[in-house]
Amino acid sequence: MIIDTQMHFNKPETPRGKGPADYKVLTKQEGVTGVILLDEQEFALNLAAEEPLIVGVVGRVDYTPQFGKEIEKWGANPLFRGNRCTGVELETLDQDGSFLSCMEIMAERGLVLDLYRICGGGEAVTKVFYNGPKALSGYFGNQHSLACLEKLSERVPKLCIVIRHIAHYPIDGKPMNKTWQENFRRIAALPNVSMKVSGLMERFVVTEHERAPETLSYYRSTLDMIWDTFGEDRLMYGSDWPVCEHSGDFIVNGIHIVRAYFAEKGEEASRKFFWKNSKKAYQWESRLPSQR
């Protein structure tokens, strides 16, 4: 069984949009039986009502004075399992008490803070789109946002925090440098923080028109580092489909990369990575026999 914790379905009217039917065609032979959908909550929950493949939704409720009421509204649906956040919002932690109050509300309701762009790195990654290469731009975090994550973990210890995309670490096939090793050690030292090994091939530092490597050997040093720091209980699988298609075939080749790696760690470690750890973090409930 595999639960994909990083999924984006498009609205039907979206040009070249893709939905559950497209995803099932690709994953039927790979054993993917459920997904966590990250999208605007109204669209995502409406889709989930009709599609039992979706075991949970991570929405985007703004961190405003209305946060509590909004979370109460959306959280009434048991499929609503978390809310997204970036390092930019983490950096407001010390400015006033409103963000911290929002985090306490999340913790009380057993919701996950799905976090991204906290310690830089994304600037080094070039993503290849079908219409030509396009560089990632904008904010990707820094040492301040990483320090704020440490403060948040300490101040709201019951809040479950999941960081996506290996913290946007840029993979070049070489051993991880000391700065990034320290970043991962600092993150892993926080007991309520887990890591998604999502969009693995998207983290590849590419040149123009390149596609991400599809061999385990290229990603092994990165996987070794996150395994050594986070261990078997705080890592989980995510594809980042269909975004991942811009960098490589992460549905098939990507699953094969991480499946081979975690198989080396034993059956129980593999089960934890592919579904048990996500169930513990997101507290999703089975909706199909294949999700049990």
Protein backbone atom coordinates (compact mmCIF):
# COMPACT_ATOMS: atom_id res chain seq x y z
CA MET A 1 0.00 0.00 0.00
CA ILE A 2 1.19 3.52 -0.83
CA ILE A 3 -0.31 6.81 0.33
CA ASP A 4 0.93 9.73 -1.76
CA THR A 5 1.13 12.71 0.62
CA GLN A 6 1.84 15.38 -2.02
CA MET A 7 -0.85 15.60 -4.68
CA HIS A 8 -2.34 18.42 -6.75
CA PHE A 9 -5.44 17.84 -8.88
CA ASN A 10 -6.65 20.56 -11.22
CA LYS A 11 -10.13 21.95 -11.70
CA PRO A 12 -11.78 20.51 -14.82
CA GLU A 13 -11.76 23.88 -16.59
CA THR A 14 -8.00 24.32 -16.11
CA PRO A 15 -6.11 24.13 -19.43
CA ARG A 16 -4.28 20.80 -19.59
CA GLY A 17 -5.61 20.11 -16.12
CA LYS A 18 -5.31 16.63 -14.65
CA GLY A 19 -7.48 14.83 -12.15
CA PRO A 20 -7.96 11.54 -10.29
CA ALA A 21 -8.73 9.53 -13.44
CA ASP A 22 -5.42 10.55 -15.02
CA TYR A 23 -3.54 9.77 -11.83
CA LYS A 24 -5.09 6.31 -11.45
CA VAL A 25 -3.96 5.32 -14.95
CA LEU A 26 -0.35 6.04 -13.96
CA THR A 27 -0.41 4.53 -10.48
CA LYS A 28 -2.61 1.45 -10.87
CA GLN A 29 0.38 -0.89 -11.26
CA GLU A 30 2.43 0.83 -8.57
CA GLY A 31 0.20 0.13 -5.58
CA VAL A 32 -0.83 3.71 -4.80
CA THR A 33 -4.17 3.42 -3.00
CA GLY A 34 -4.67 6.87 -1.49
CA VAL A 35 -3.53 10.49 -1.63
CA ILE A 36 -3.33 13.64 0.48
CA LEU A 37 -4.58 16.46 -1.75
CA LEU A 38 -3.06 19.93 -1.36
CA ASP A 39 -5.34 22.56 -2.83
CA GLU A 40 -7.89 25.25 -2.11
CA GLN A 41 -10.08 23.62 0.52
CA GLU A 42 -13.53 24.14 -0.99
CA PHE A 43 -12.52 22.62 -4.33
CA ALA A 44 -10.50 19.86 -2.69
CA LEU A 45 -13.18 18.81 -0.19
CA ASN A 46 -15.89 18.80 -2.86
CA LEU A 47 -13.71 16.59 -5.02
CA ALA A 48 -12.87 14.34 -2.07
CA ALA A 49 -16.58 13.84 -1.36
CA GLU A 50 -16.84 12.08 -4.73
CA GLU A 51 -13.40 10.48 -4.86
CA PRO A 52 -12.45 8.00 -2.08
CA LEU A 53 -8.87 7.87 -3.37
CA ILE A 54 -8.44 11.14 -1.42
CA VAL A 55 -7.93 10.31 2.25
CA GLY A 56 -7.12 13.85 3.33
CA VAL A 57 -7.01 17.49 2.26
CA VAL A 58 -4.46 20.14 3.17
CA GLY A 59 -5.97 23.53 2.49
CA ARG A 60 -4.90 27.13 2.56
CA VAL A 61 -6.63 29.14 5.29
CA ASP A 62 -5.00 32.56 5.68
CA TYR A 63 -3.44 33.37 9.04
CA THR A 64 -5.70 36.31 9.88
CA PRO A 65 -7.87 37.16 12.92
CA GLN A 66 -10.58 35.03 11.27
CA PHE A 67 -8.37 31.95 11.26
CA GLY A 68 -10.09 30.26 14.19
CA LYS A 69 -13.55 30.57 12.66
CA GLU A 70 -12.31 29.40 9.27
CA ILE A 71 -10.53 26.41 10.73
CA GLU A 72 -13.64 25.50 12.70
CA LYS A 73 -15.68 25.72 9.50
CA TRP A 74 -13.41 23.58 7.34
CA GLY A 75 -12.29 21.32 10.17
CA ALA A 76 -15.88 20.16 10.65
CA ASN A 77 -15.15 17.95 7.65
CA PRO A 78 -12.98 15.04 8.88
CA LEU A 79 -11.17 14.98 5.53
CA PHE A 80 -9.65 18.38 6.27
CA ARG A 81 -6.31 17.34 7.76
CA GLY A 82 -4.01 20.34 7.64
CA ASN A 83 -3.07 23.79 6.42
CA ARG A 84 -0.18 25.10 4.35
CA CYS A 85 2.44 27.60 5.44
CA THR A 86 5.70 29.12 4.13
CA GLY A 87 8.79 30.44 5.81
CA VAL A 88 7.55 33.98 5.17
CA GLU A 89 4.69 33.41 7.59
CA LEU A 90 6.99 31.71 10.09
CA GLU A 91 9.05 34.88 10.20
CA THR A 92 6.07 36.73 11.70
CA LEU A 93 6.31 34.53 14.79
CA ASP A 94 8.00 37.20 16.90
CA GLN A 95 6.12 40.21 15.53
CA ASP A 96 2.85 39.58 17.37
CA GLY A 97 0.95 36.76 18.98
CA SER A 98 -1.56 36.14 16.20
CA PHE A 99 0.43 33.57 14.23
CA LEU A 100 1.30 31.65 17.37
CA SER A 101 -2.38 31.63 18.33
CA CYS A 102 -3.21 30.13 14.93
CA MET A 103 -0.66 27.40 15.52
CA GLU A 104 -2.16 26.60 18.90
CA ILE A 105 -5.58 26.25 17.27
CA MET A 106 -4.10 23.83 14.74
CA ALA A 107 -2.51 21.76 17.48
CA GLU A 108 -5.74 21.60 19.49
CA ARG A 109 -7.63 20.29 16.46
CA GLY A 110 -4.95 17.73 15.57
CA LEU A 111 -4.23 19.40 12.22
CA VAL A 112 -0.91 19.28 10.40
CA LEU A 113 1.11 22.36 9.51
CA ASP A 114 2.33 21.55 5.99
CA LEU A 115 5.43 23.69 5.64
CA TYR A 116 7.68 24.66 2.74
CA ARG A 117 10.40 27.14 1.81
CA ILE A 118 12.14 27.50 5.13
CA CYS A 119 15.91 27.35 4.62
CA GLY A 120 16.71 28.33 1.02
CA GLY A 121 18.03 26.10 -1.74
CA GLY A 122 15.22 26.36 -4.27
CA GLU A 123 17.02 29.16 -6.05
CA ALA A 124 19.58 26.65 -7.32
CA VAL A 125 17.03 24.40 -8.98
CA THR A 126 15.92 24.95 -12.55
CA LYS A 127 12.63 23.29 -13.43
CA VAL A 128 12.05 22.16 -16.97
CA PHE A 129 8.52 22.78 -18.24
CA TYR A 130 7.05 21.48 -21.49
CA ASN A 131 7.18 24.98 -22.96
CA GLY A 132 10.86 25.43 -22.14
CA PRO A 133 13.07 25.86 -19.07
CA LYS A 134 11.84 28.07 -16.29
CA ALA A 135 13.82 28.97 -13.16
CA LEU A 136 12.19 28.85 -9.79
CA SER A 137 12.08 32.34 -8.35
CA GLY A 138 10.96 34.17 -5.25
CA TYR A 139 11.32 33.38 -1.57
CA PHE A 140 12.75 30.03 -0.48
CA GLY A 141 13.52 30.62 3.17
CA ASN A 142 16.67 31.51 5.06
CA GLN A 143 18.37 31.02 8.40
CA HIS A 144 15.84 33.31 10.09
CA SER A 145 12.86 31.23 8.98
CA LEU A 146 14.69 28.09 10.07
CA ALA A 147 15.29 29.64 13.50
CA CYS A 148 11.59 30.53 13.67
CA LEU A 149 10.73 26.89 12.96
CA GLU A 150 12.82 25.92 15.96
CA LYS A 151 10.97 28.46 18.12
CA LEU A 152 7.59 27.25 16.87
CA SER A 153 8.42 23.63 17.62
CA GLU A 154 9.41 24.58 21.16
CA ARG A 155 6.42 26.86 21.83
CA VAL A 156 3.75 24.55 20.37
CA PRO A 157 5.19 21.06 20.95
CA LYS A 158 1.88 19.31 20.21
CA LEU A 159 1.70 20.78 16.69
CA CYS A 160 2.50 18.20 14.01
CA ILE A 161 4.71 19.85 11.38
CA VAL A 162 5.50 18.23 8.03
CA ILE A 163 8.10 19.77 5.73
CA ARG A 164 7.69 19.01 2.06
CA HIS A 165 10.16 18.52 -0.80
CA ILE A 166 13.16 17.60 1.38
CA ALA A 167 13.21 21.26 2.46
CA HIS A 168 13.98 22.23 -1.18
CA TYR A 169 17.46 20.79 -0.98
CA PRO A 170 19.13 21.13 -4.45
CA ILE A 171 20.36 17.68 -5.50
CA ASP A 172 23.46 17.53 -7.71
CA GLY A 173 24.51 13.92 -7.14
CA LYS A 174 27.32 14.93 -4.79
CA PRO A 175 27.61 14.51 -1.01
CA MET A 176 25.68 17.16 0.91
CA ASN A 177 27.72 20.18 1.97
CA LYS A 178 28.23 21.11 5.64
CA THR A 179 25.68 23.95 5.58
CA TRP A 180 22.88 21.67 4.41
CA GLN A 181 23.96 18.88 6.74
CA GLU A 182 23.60 21.32 9.61
CA ASN A 183 20.19 22.47 8.29
CA PHE A 184 18.90 18.91 8.32
CA ARG A 185 20.33 18.17 11.75
CA ARG A 186 18.65 21.27 13.17
CA ILE A 187 15.31 20.32 11.63
CA ALA A 188 15.56 16.67 12.68
CA ALA A 189 16.33 17.73 16.25
CA LEU A 190 12.73 18.97 16.50
CA PRO A 191 10.67 15.97 17.69
CA ASN A 192 7.35 17.14 16.22
CA VAL A 193 8.72 17.68 12.69
CA SER A 194 8.58 15.11 9.87
CA MET A 195 9.88 15.27 6.30
CA LYS A 196 8.24 14.44 2.98
CA VAL A 197 10.52 12.88 0.42
CA SER A 198 8.35 14.57 -2.18
CA GLY A 199 9.28 15.90 -5.60
CA LEU A 200 12.63 14.10 -5.32
CA MET A 201 13.48 14.39 -9.02
CA GLU A 202 12.33 18.02 -9.04
CA ARG A 203 15.17 18.84 -6.67
CA PHE A 204 17.66 17.98 -9.42
CA VAL A 205 19.87 20.95 -10.35
CA VAL A 206 19.51 20.94 -14.13
CA THR A 207 20.81 22.80 -17.11
CA GLU A 208 18.66 23.74 -20.08
CA HIS A 209 16.43 20.94 -21.42
CA GLU A 210 17.85 18.29 -19.09
CA ARG A 211 15.66 15.70 -17.47
CA ALA A 212 16.28 14.43 -13.97
CA PRO A 213 18.36 11.24 -13.55
CA GLU A 214 16.33 8.11 -12.91
CA THR A 215 18.88 6.01 -11.01
CA LEU A 216 19.04 5.48 -7.26
CA SER A 217 22.79 6.09 -7.23
CA TYR A 218 22.28 9.76 -8.11
CA TYR A 219 20.00 10.39 -5.11
CA ARG A 220 21.58 7.99 -2.62
CA SER A 221 23.75 10.49 -0.73
CA THR A 222 20.70 12.74 -0.21
CA LEU A 223 18.51 9.86 0.92
CA ASP A 224 21.29 8.64 3.22
CA MET A 225 21.47 12.04 4.90
CA ILE A 226 17.75 12.34 5.57
CA TRP A 227 17.58 8.72 6.72
CA ASP A 228 20.49 9.25 9.11
CA THR A 229 18.92 12.41 10.55
CA PHE A 230 15.18 11.64 10.59
CA GLY A 231 15.17 7.84 10.86
CA GLU A 232 12.38 5.49 9.86
CA ASP A 233 9.58 7.12 11.87
CA ARG A 234 9.54 10.64 10.38
CA LEU A 235 9.90 10.23 6.61
CA MET A 236 7.02 9.84 4.16
CA TYR A 237 6.44 9.49 0.44
CA GLY A 238 5.05 12.17 -1.88
CA SER A 239 5.12 12.52 -5.66
CA ASP A 240 4.12 16.18 -6.17
CA TRP A 241 2.12 15.05 -9.21
CA PRO A 242 1.46 16.47 -11.78
CA VAL A 243 4.09 19.17 -11.10
CA CYS A 244 6.75 16.46 -10.98
CA GLU A 245 6.17 15.62 -14.65
CA HIS A 246 8.13 18.73 -15.60
CA SER A 247 11.33 17.19 -14.24
CA GLY A 248 10.89 13.48 -14.83
CA ASP A 249 8.59 10.48 -14.56
CA PHE A 250 8.33 10.50 -10.78
CA ILE A 251 5.20 8.37 -10.73
CA VAL A 252 6.98 5.31 -12.13
CA ASN A 253 10.74 5.85 -12.05
CA GLY A 254 10.52 8.02 -8.93
CA ILE A 255 8.60 5.40 -6.98
CA HIS A 256 11.11 2.80 -8.11
CA ILE A 257 13.99 4.94 -6.77
CA VAL A 258 12.56 5.32 -3.27
CA ARG A 259 11.09 1.81 -3.23
CA ALA A 260 14.53 0.33 -3.90
CA TYR A 261 16.15 2.53 -1.28
CA PHE A 262 13.70 1.86 1.52
CA ALA A 263 13.53 -1.84 0.71
CA GLU A 264 17.16 -1.93 1.80
CA LYS A 265 16.04 -0.68 5.21
CA GLY A 266 13.64 -3.56 5.75
CA GLU A 267 9.93 -4.29 5.32
CA GLU A 268 8.74 -2.34 8.33
CA ALA A 269 10.78 0.76 7.44
CA SER A 270 9.33 0.61 3.93
CA ARG A 271 5.77 0.32 5.23
CA LYS A 272 6.34 3.29 7.52
CA PHE A 273 7.69 5.39 4.67
CA PHE A 274 4.93 4.56 2.20
CA TRP A 275 1.91 4.81 4.51
CA LYS A 276 2.27 4.29 8.26
CA ASN A 277 4.08 7.54 9.02
CA SER A 278 1.58 9.58 7.00
CA LYS A 279 -1.30 7.98 8.88
CA LYS A 280 0.31 8.92 12.19
CA ALA A 281 0.94 12.51 11.07
CA TYR A 282 -2.23 13.34 9.12
CA GLN A 283 -4.49 10.95 11.04
CA TRP A 284 -6.28 10.01 7.84
CA GLU A 285 -8.98 7.35 7.87
CA SER A 286 -9.38 4.56 5.34
CA ARG A 287 -12.12 5.07 2.78
CA LEU A 288 -11.43 2.00 0.62
CA PRO A 289 -10.52 -1.60 1.49
CA SER A 290 -7.18 -1.08 -0.25
CA GLN A 291 -6.33 1.66 2.28
CA ARG A 292 -6.41 -0.70 5.25
